[in-house]
Amino acid sequence: MKFNKKGVMWPYLMAAIIALVVVILVIMWFRTGAGKGYDIVEEKLEGLGDSDGDGVADMFDKCENTPKGVEVDSNGCSETQMEGLE
């Protein structure tokens, strides 16, 4: 690699500048609405149905017929139901 008079290697300097510009563009992209994609997924999941009303779609619910008002985990199971699965 060749150095200029000040000792800076131009390819490394240009790569650093390009990387910085890319990072700035990605940050700007996320701030202007890239998170909207997650909202679309949530809307689609809401339409799948939740027969026991625990907040977990039937497609992902490992414990069906959870009683109403009982706190469940991300699998749709209450603590007592999890004990029965173990």
PDB file of N, CA and C in Angstrom:
ATOM      1  N   MET A   1       0.826  -1.175   0.000  1.00  0.00           N
ATOM      2  CA  MET A   1       0.000   0.000   0.000  1.00  0.00           C
ATOM      3  C   MET A   1       0.874   1.242   0.000  1.00  0.00           C
ATOM      4  N   LYS A   2       0.367   2.235  -0.682  1.00  0.00           N
ATOM      5  CA  LYS A   2       1.142   3.464  -0.768  1.00  0.00           C
ATOM      6  C   LYS A   2       0.626   4.484   0.226  1.00  0.00           C
ATOM      7  N   PHE A   3       1.517   5.177   0.828  1.00  0.00           N
ATOM      8  CA  PHE A   3       1.190   6.257   1.750  1.00  0.00           C
ATOM      9  C   PHE A   3       1.316   7.577   1.011  1.00  0.00           C
ATOM     10  N   ASN A   4       0.491   8.542   1.384  1.00  0.00           N
ATOM     11  CA  ASN A   4       0.713   9.871   0.834  1.00  0.00           C
ATOM     12  C   ASN A   4       1.761  10.564   1.695  1.00  0.00           C
ATOM     13  N   LYS A   5       1.950  11.829   1.487  1.00  0.00           N
ATOM     14  CA  LYS A   5       2.995  12.551   2.216  1.00  0.00           C
ATOM     15  C   LYS A   5       2.744  12.579   3.714  1.00  0.00           C
ATOM     16  N   LYS A   6       1.484  12.528   4.136  1.00  0.00           N
ATOM     17  CA  LYS A   6       1.172  12.584   5.555  1.00  0.00           C
ATOM     18  C   LYS A   6       1.100  11.196   6.197  1.00  0.00           C
ATOM     19  N   GLY A   7       1.215  10.137   5.446  1.00  0.00           N
ATOM     20  CA  GLY A   7       1.215   8.788   5.988  1.00  0.00           C
ATOM     21  C   GLY A   7      -0.149   8.119   6.041  1.00  0.00           C
ATOM     22  N   VAL A   8      -1.159   8.677   5.407  1.00  0.00           N
ATOM     23  CA  VAL A   8      -2.499   8.097   5.430  1.00  0.00           C
ATOM     24  C   VAL A   8      -2.675   7.189   4.219  1.00  0.00           C
ATOM     25  N   MET A   9      -3.190   6.014   4.453  1.00  0.00           N
ATOM     26  CA  MET A   9      -3.466   5.106   3.342  1.00  0.00           C
ATOM     27  C   MET A   9      -4.871   5.401   2.819  1.00  0.00           C
ATOM     28  N   TRP A  10      -4.970   5.865   1.592  1.00  0.00           N
ATOM     29  CA  TRP A  10      -6.226   6.303   1.012  1.00  0.00           C
ATOM     30  C   TRP A  10      -7.290   5.218   0.958  1.00  0.00           C
ATOM     31  N   PRO A  11      -6.994   3.987   0.633  1.00  0.00           N
ATOM     32  CA  PRO A  11      -8.074   2.976   0.603  1.00  0.00           C
ATOM     33  C   PRO A  11      -8.752   2.800   1.967  1.00  0.00           C
ATOM     34  N   TYR A  12      -7.971   2.832   3.041  1.00  0.00           N
ATOM     35  CA  TYR A  12      -8.549   2.694   4.379  1.00  0.00           C
ATOM     36  C   TYR A  12      -9.386   3.914   4.739  1.00  0.00           C
ATOM     37  N   LEU A  13      -8.920   5.071   4.375  1.00  0.00           N
ATOM     38  CA  LEU A  13      -9.649   6.300   4.640  1.00  0.00           C
ATOM     39  C   LEU A  13     -10.978   6.314   3.886  1.00  0.00           C
ATOM     40  N   MET A  14     -10.970   5.925   2.631  1.00  0.00           N
ATOM     41  CA  MET A  14     -12.193   5.901   1.833  1.00  0.00           C
ATOM     42  C   MET A  14     -13.165   4.841   2.370  1.00  0.00           C
ATOM     43  N   ALA A  15     -12.657   3.685   2.775  1.00  0.00           N
ATOM     44  CA  ALA A  15     -13.519   2.633   3.337  1.00  0.00           C
ATOM     45  C   ALA A  15     -14.179   3.120   4.624  1.00  0.00           C
ATOM     46  N   ALA A  16     -13.448   3.839   5.456  1.00  0.00           N
ATOM     47  CA  ALA A  16     -14.009   4.364   6.699  1.00  0.00           C
ATOM     48  C   ALA A  16     -15.098   5.395   6.414  1.00  0.00           C
ATOM     49  N   ILE A  17     -14.884   6.254   5.435  1.00  0.00           N
ATOM     50  CA  ILE A  17     -15.883   7.261   5.075  1.00  0.00           C
ATOM     51  C   ILE A  17     -17.141   6.600   4.530  1.00  0.00           C
ATOM     52  N   ILE A  18     -16.981   5.617   3.671  1.00  0.00           N
ATOM     53  CA  ILE A  18     -18.139   4.904   3.112  1.00  0.00           C
ATOM     54  C   ILE A  18     -18.899   4.181   4.216  1.00  0.00           C
ATOM     55  N   ALA A  19     -18.187   3.541   5.140  1.00  0.00           N
ATOM     56  CA  ALA A  19     -18.842   2.840   6.245  1.00  0.00           C
ATOM     57  C   ALA A  19     -19.628   3.814   7.111  1.00  0.00           C
ATOM     58  N   LEU A  20     -19.096   4.952   7.378  1.00  0.00           N
ATOM     59  CA  LEU A  20     -19.770   5.967   8.174  1.00  0.00           C
ATOM     60  C   LEU A  20     -21.044   6.449   7.479  1.00  0.00           C
ATOM     61  N   VAL A  21     -20.979   6.677   6.189  1.00  0.00           N
ATOM     62  CA  VAL A  21     -22.153   7.112   5.429  1.00  0.00           C
ATOM     63  C   VAL A  21     -23.231   6.029   5.454  1.00  0.00           C
ATOM     64  N   VAL A  22     -22.842   4.779   5.302  1.00  0.00           N
ATOM     65  CA  VAL A  22     -23.806   3.674   5.335  1.00  0.00           C
ATOM     66  C   VAL A  22     -24.488   3.600   6.698  1.00  0.00           C
ATOM     67  N   VAL A  23     -23.723   3.717   7.766  1.00  0.00           N
ATOM     68  CA  VAL A  23     -24.299   3.678   9.117  1.00  0.00           C
ATOM     69  C   VAL A  23     -25.291   4.827   9.303  1.00  0.00           C
ATOM     70  N   ILE A  24     -24.950   6.006   8.871  1.00  0.00           N
ATOM     71  CA  ILE A  24     -25.853   7.156   8.990  1.00  0.00           C
ATOM     72  C   ILE A  24     -27.133   6.921   8.194  1.00  0.00           C
ATOM     73  N   LEU A  25     -27.019   6.384   6.989  1.00  0.00           N
ATOM     74  CA  LEU A  25     -28.204   6.113   6.169  1.00  0.00           C
ATOM     75  C   LEU A  25     -29.099   5.055   6.813  1.00  0.00           C
ATOM     76  N   VAL A  26     -28.520   4.016   7.388  1.00  0.00           N
ATOM     77  CA  VAL A  26     -29.309   2.980   8.053  1.00  0.00           C
ATOM     78  C   VAL A  26     -30.039   3.550   9.259  1.00  0.00           C
ATOM     79  N   ILE A  27     -29.374   4.368  10.040  1.00  0.00           N
ATOM     80  CA  ILE A  27     -30.021   4.992  11.199  1.00  0.00           C
ATOM     81  C   ILE A  27     -31.179   5.871  10.747  1.00  0.00           C
ATOM     82  N   MET A  28     -30.981   6.643   9.694  1.00  0.00           N
ATOM     83  CA  MET A  28     -32.051   7.495   9.184  1.00  0.00           C
ATOM     84  C   MET A  28     -33.225   6.661   8.675  1.00  0.00           C
ATOM     85  N   TRP A  29     -32.935   5.547   8.026  1.00  0.00           N
ATOM     86  CA  TRP A  29     -33.978   4.664   7.499  1.00  0.00           C
ATOM     87  C   TRP A  29     -34.825   4.100   8.632  1.00  0.00           C
ATOM     88  N   PHE A  30     -34.183   3.646   9.721  1.00  0.00           N
ATOM     89  CA  PHE A  30     -34.933   3.105  10.846  1.00  0.00           C
ATOM     90  C   PHE A  30     -35.777   4.176  11.527  1.00  0.00           C
ATOM     91  N   ARG A  31     -35.274   5.381  11.600  1.00  0.00           N
ATOM     92  CA  ARG A  31     -36.018   6.457  12.267  1.00  0.00           C
ATOM     93  C   ARG A  31     -37.212   6.930  11.458  1.00  0.00           C
ATOM     94  N   THR A  32     -37.194   6.742  10.152  1.00  0.00           N
ATOM     95  CA  THR A  32     -38.275   7.259   9.310  1.00  0.00           C
ATOM     96  C   THR A  32     -39.372   6.251   9.055  1.00  0.00           C
ATOM     97  N   GLY A  33     -39.352   5.106   9.722  1.00  0.00           N
ATOM     98  CA  GLY A  33     -40.493   4.210   9.577  1.00  0.00           C
ATOM     99  C   GLY A  33     -40.164   2.790   9.210  1.00  0.00           C
ATOM    100  N   ALA A  34     -38.967   2.354   9.370  1.00  0.00           N
ATOM    101  CA  ALA A  34     -38.666   0.962   9.075  1.00  0.00           C
ATOM    102  C   ALA A  34     -39.367   0.043  10.059  1.00  0.00           C
ATOM    103  N   GLY A  35     -39.710   0.550  11.245  1.00  0.00           N
ATOM    104  CA  GLY A  35     -40.397  -0.252  12.239  1.00  0.00           C
ATOM    105  C   GLY A  35     -41.832  -0.581  11.867  1.00  0.00           C
ATOM    106  N   LYS A  36     -42.344   0.035  10.823  1.00  0.00           N
ATOM    107  CA  LYS A  36     -43.709  -0.218  10.393  1.00  0.00           C
ATOM    108  C   LYS A  36     -43.898  -1.662   9.943  1.00  0.00           C
ATOM    109  N   GLY A  37     -42.845  -2.312   9.547  1.00  0.00           N
ATOM    110  CA  GLY A  37     -42.948  -3.708   9.140  1.00  0.00           C
ATOM    111  C   GLY A  37     -43.412  -4.602  10.275  1.00  0.00           C
ATOM    112  N   TYR A  38     -42.996  -4.295  11.493  1.00  0.00           N
ATOM    113  CA  TYR A  38     -43.417  -5.081  12.644  1.00  0.00           C
ATOM    114  C   TYR A  38     -44.894  -4.882  12.919  1.00  0.00           C
ATOM    115  N   ASP A  39     -45.404  -3.690  12.688  1.00  0.00           N
ATOM    116  CA  ASP A  39     -46.824  -3.432  12.888  1.00  0.00           C
ATOM    117  C   ASP A  39     -47.662  -4.281  11.946  1.00  0.00           C
ATOM    118  N   ILE A  40     -47.192  -4.449  10.730  1.00  0.00           N
ATOM    119  CA  ILE A  40     -47.910  -5.263   9.751  1.00  0.00           C
ATOM    120  C   ILE A  40     -47.975  -6.710  10.227  1.00  0.00           C
ATOM    121  N   VAL A  41     -46.877  -7.222  10.770  1.00  0.00           N
ATOM    122  CA  VAL A  41     -46.854  -8.601  11.270  1.00  0.00           C
ATOM    123  C   VAL A  41     -47.835  -8.754  12.422  1.00  0.00           C
ATOM    124  N   GLU A  42     -47.858  -7.793  13.344  1.00  0.00           N
ATOM    125  CA  GLU A  42     -48.797  -7.860  14.466  1.00  0.00           C
ATOM    126  C   GLU A  42     -50.241  -7.864  13.976  1.00  0.00           C
ATOM    127  N   GLU A  43     -50.538  -7.055  12.977  1.00  0.00           N
ATOM    128  CA  GLU A  43     -51.897  -7.018  12.438  1.00  0.00           C
ATOM    129  C   GLU A  43     -52.280  -8.368  11.846  1.00  0.00           C
ATOM    130  N   LYS A  44     -51.354  -9.006  11.149  1.00  0.00           N
ATOM    131  CA  LYS A  44     -51.629 -10.318  10.555  1.00  0.00           C
ATOM    132  C   LYS A  44     -51.854 -11.365  11.635  1.00  0.00           C
ATOM    133  N   LEU A  45     -51.055 -11.318  12.714  1.00  0.00           N
ATOM    134  CA  LEU A  45     -51.202 -12.288  13.794  1.00  0.00           C
ATOM    135  C   LEU A  45     -52.513 -12.106  14.538  1.00  0.00           C
ATOM    136  N   GLU A  46     -52.989 -10.871  14.659  1.00  0.00           N
ATOM    137  CA  GLU A  46     -54.256 -10.628  15.336  1.00  0.00           C
ATOM    138  C   GLU A  46     -55.405 -11.303  14.615  1.00  0.00           C
ATOM    139  N   GLY A  47     -55.292 -11.445  13.314  1.00  0.00           N
ATOM    140  CA  GLY A  47     -56.354 -12.053  12.535  1.00  0.00           C
ATOM    141  C   GLY A  47     -56.349 -13.569  12.555  1.00  0.00           C
ATOM    142  N   LEU A  48     -55.396 -14.199  13.217  1.00  0.00           N
ATOM    143  CA  LEU A  48     -55.320 -15.657  13.218  1.00  0.00           C
ATOM    144  C   LEU A  48     -56.351 -16.311  14.124  1.00  0.00           C
ATOM    145  N   GLY A  49     -56.806 -15.636  15.124  1.00  0.00           N
ATOM    146  CA  GLY A  49     -57.796 -16.191  16.026  1.00  0.00           C
ATOM    147  C   GLY A  49     -57.177 -16.613  17.345  1.00  0.00           C
ATOM    148  N   ASP A  50     -57.940 -16.422  18.390  1.00  0.00           N
ATOM    149  CA  ASP A  50     -57.508 -16.769  19.735  1.00  0.00           C
ATOM    150  C   ASP A  50     -58.732 -17.315  20.459  1.00  0.00           C
ATOM    151  N   SER A  51     -58.978 -18.604  20.316  1.00  0.00           N
ATOM    152  CA  SER A  51     -60.221 -19.196  20.810  1.00  0.00           C
ATOM    153  C   SER A  51     -60.370 -19.129  22.325  1.00  0.00           C
ATOM    154  N   ASP A  52     -59.270 -19.176  23.078  1.00  0.00           N
ATOM    155  CA  ASP A  52     -59.400 -19.135  24.540  1.00  0.00           C
ATOM    156  C   ASP A  52     -59.209 -17.728  25.109  1.00  0.00           C
ATOM    157  N   GLY A  53     -58.888 -16.742  24.277  1.00  0.00           N
ATOM    158  CA  GLY A  53     -58.810 -15.346  24.701  1.00  0.00           C
ATOM    159  C   GLY A  53     -57.652 -15.013  25.619  1.00  0.00           C
ATOM    160  N   ASP A  54     -56.555 -15.762  25.512  1.00  0.00           N
ATOM    161  CA  ASP A  54     -55.399 -15.498  26.386  1.00  0.00           C
ATOM    162  C   ASP A  54     -54.384 -14.554  25.778  1.00  0.00           C
ATOM    163  N   GLY A  55     -54.616 -14.117  24.544  1.00  0.00           N
ATOM    164  CA  GLY A  55     -53.713 -13.180  23.898  1.00  0.00           C
ATOM    165  C   GLY A  55     -52.646 -13.831  23.034  1.00  0.00           C
ATOM    166  N   VAL A  56     -52.666 -15.157  22.950  1.00  0.00           N
ATOM    167  CA  VAL A  56     -51.721 -15.896  22.112  1.00  0.00           C
ATOM    168  C   VAL A  56     -52.524 -16.559  21.004  1.00  0.00           C
ATOM    169  N   ALA A  57     -52.123 -16.316  19.754  1.00  0.00           N
ATOM    170  CA  ALA A  57     -52.853 -16.872  18.615  1.00  0.00           C
ATOM    171  C   ALA A  57     -52.871 -18.388  18.682  1.00  0.00           C
ATOM    172  N   ASP A  58     -53.986 -18.984  18.245  1.00  0.00           N
ATOM    173  CA  ASP A  58     -54.147 -20.437  18.303  1.00  0.00           C
ATOM    174  C   ASP A  58     -52.989 -21.174  17.629  1.00  0.00           C
ATOM    175  N   MET A  59     -52.456 -20.573  16.586  1.00  0.00           N
ATOM    176  CA  MET A  59     -51.355 -21.188  15.853  1.00  0.00           C
ATOM    177  C   MET A  59     -50.131 -21.413  16.753  1.00  0.00           C
ATOM    178  N   PHE A  60     -49.923 -20.528  17.732  1.00  0.00           N
ATOM    179  CA  PHE A  60     -48.753 -20.598  18.598  1.00  0.00           C
ATOM    180  C   PHE A  60     -49.089 -21.059  20.017  1.00  0.00           C
ATOM    181  N   ASP A  61     -50.360 -21.265  20.304  1.00  0.00           N
ATOM    182  CA  ASP A  61     -50.817 -21.590  21.653  1.00  0.00           C
ATOM    183  C   ASP A  61     -50.562 -23.067  21.946  1.00  0.00           C
ATOM    184  N   LYS A  62     -49.705 -23.348  22.925  1.00  0.00           N
ATOM    185  CA  LYS A  62     -49.395 -24.732  23.294  1.00  0.00           C
ATOM    186  C   LYS A  62     -50.350 -25.275  24.350  1.00  0.00           C
ATOM    187  N   CYS A  63     -51.071 -24.392  25.014  1.00  0.00           N
ATOM    188  CA  CYS A  63     -52.030 -24.793  26.045  1.00  0.00           C
ATOM    189  C   CYS A  63     -53.397 -24.229  25.671  1.00  0.00           C
ATOM    190  N   GLU A  64     -54.238 -25.075  25.087  1.00  0.00           N
ATOM    191  CA  GLU A  64     -55.569 -24.625  24.682  1.00  0.00           C
ATOM    192  C   GLU A  64     -56.490 -24.556  25.892  1.00  0.00           C
ATOM    193  N   ASN A  65     -57.537 -23.802  25.760  1.00  0.00           N
ATOM    194  CA  ASN A  65     -58.576 -23.661  26.786  1.00  0.00           C
ATOM    195  C   ASN A  65     -58.044 -23.112  28.106  1.00  0.00           C
ATOM    196  N   THR A  66     -57.174 -22.140  28.055  1.00  0.00           N
ATOM    197  CA  THR A  66     -56.709 -21.464  29.264  1.00  0.00           C
ATOM    198  C   THR A  66     -57.883 -20.676  29.840  1.00  0.00           C
ATOM    199  N   PRO A  67     -58.127 -20.758  31.160  1.00  0.00           N
ATOM    200  CA  PRO A  67     -59.232 -20.007  31.763  1.00  0.00           C
ATOM    201  C   PRO A  67     -59.053 -18.504  31.555  1.00  0.00           C
ATOM    202  N   LYS A  68     -60.155 -17.795  31.402  1.00  0.00           N
ATOM    203  CA  LYS A  68     -60.097 -16.341  31.182  1.00  0.00           C
ATOM    204  C   LYS A  68     -59.560 -15.647  32.418  1.00  0.00           C
ATOM    205  N   GLY A  69     -58.767 -14.608  32.202  1.00  0.00           N
ATOM    206  CA  GLY A  69     -58.214 -13.807  33.280  1.00  0.00           C
ATOM    207  C   GLY A  69     -56.949 -14.366  33.905  1.00  0.00           C
ATOM    208  N   VAL A  70     -56.497 -15.546  33.458  1.00  0.00           N
ATOM    209  CA  VAL A  70     -55.281 -16.153  33.997  1.00  0.00           C
ATOM    210  C   VAL A  70     -54.090 -15.636  33.204  1.00  0.00           C
ATOM    211  N   GLU A  71     -53.028 -15.272  33.895  1.00  0.00           N
ATOM    212  CA  GLU A  71     -51.821 -14.776  33.235  1.00  0.00           C
ATOM    213  C   GLU A  71     -51.100 -15.938  32.558  1.00  0.00           C
ATOM    214  N   VAL A  72     -50.698 -15.731  31.302  1.00  0.00           N
ATOM    215  CA  VAL A  72     -50.027 -16.783  30.533  1.00  0.00           C
ATOM    216  C   VAL A  72     -48.671 -16.296  30.046  1.00  0.00           C
ATOM    217  N   ASP A  73     -47.809 -17.242  29.653  1.00  0.00           N
ATOM    218  CA  ASP A  73     -46.500 -16.903  29.083  1.00  0.00           C
ATOM    219  C   ASP A  73     -46.634 -16.763  27.572  1.00  0.00           C
ATOM    220  N   SER A  74     -45.515 -16.658  26.876  1.00  0.00           N
ATOM    221  CA  SER A  74     -45.543 -16.452  25.426  1.00  0.00           C
ATOM    222  C   SER A  74     -46.069 -17.669  24.672  1.00  0.00           C
ATOM    223  N   ASN A  75     -46.135 -18.831  25.332  1.00  0.00           N
ATOM    224  CA  ASN A  75     -46.676 -20.042  24.709  1.00  0.00           C
ATOM    225  C   ASN A  75     -48.168 -20.196  24.962  1.00  0.00           C
ATOM    226  N   GLY A  76     -48.769 -19.289  25.757  1.00  0.00           N
ATOM    227  CA  GLY A  76     -50.182 -19.360  26.060  1.00  0.00           C
ATOM    228  C   GLY A  76     -50.490 -20.272  27.227  1.00  0.00           C
ATOM    229  N   CYS A  77     -49.493 -20.582  28.049  1.00  0.00           N
ATOM    230  CA  CYS A  77     -49.689 -21.498  29.182  1.00  0.00           C
ATOM    231  C   CYS A  77     -49.586 -20.754  30.501  1.00  0.00           C
ATOM    232  N   SER A  78     -50.473 -21.121  31.431  1.00  0.00           N
ATOM    233  CA  SER A  78     -50.371 -20.586  32.782  1.00  0.00           C
ATOM    234  C   SER A  78     -49.362 -21.420  33.571  1.00  0.00           C
ATOM    235  N   GLU A  79     -49.041 -20.971  34.786  1.00  0.00           N
ATOM    236  CA  GLU A  79     -48.078 -21.718  35.593  1.00  0.00           C
ATOM    237  C   GLU A  79     -48.562 -23.128  35.898  1.00  0.00           C
ATOM    238  N   THR A  80     -49.848 -23.282  36.189  1.00  0.00           N
ATOM    239  CA  THR A  80     -50.372 -24.616  36.510  1.00  0.00           C
ATOM    240  C   THR A  80     -50.367 -25.510  35.278  1.00  0.00           C
ATOM    241  N   GLN A  81     -50.632 -24.948  34.110  1.00  0.00           N
ATOM    242  CA  GLN A  81     -50.595 -25.742  32.895  1.00  0.00           C
ATOM    243  C   GLN A  81     -49.167 -26.160  32.551  1.00  0.00           C
ATOM    244  N   MET A  82     -48.198 -25.304  32.842  1.00  0.00           N
ATOM    245  CA  MET A  82     -46.790 -25.638  32.568  1.00  0.00           C
ATOM    246  C   MET A  82     -46.339 -26.799  33.443  1.00  0.00           C
ATOM    247  N   GLU A  83     -46.829 -26.866  34.690  1.00  0.00           N
ATOM    248  CA  GLU A  83     -46.471 -27.980  35.569  1.00  0.00           C
ATOM    249  C   GLU A  83     -46.976 -29.293  34.993  1.00  0.00           C
ATOM    250  N   GLY A  84     -48.136 -29.260  34.371  1.00  0.00           N
ATOM    251  CA  GLY A  84     -48.685 -30.473  33.775  1.00  0.00           C
ATOM    252  C   GLY A  84     -47.936 -30.918  32.530  1.00  0.00           C
ATOM    253  N   LEU A  85     -47.268 -29.982  31.852  1.00  0.00           N
ATOM    254  CA  LEU A  85     -46.514 -30.330  30.638  1.00  0.00           C
ATOM    255  C   LEU A  85     -45.157 -30.923  30.950  1.00  0.00           C
ATOM    256  N   GLU A  86     -44.619 -30.648  32.126  1.00  0.00           N
ATOM    257  CA  GLU A  86     -43.266 -31.095  32.457  1.00  0.00           C
ATOM    258  C   GLU A  86     -43.214 -32.522  32.795  1.00  0.00           C
TER     259      GLU A  86
END
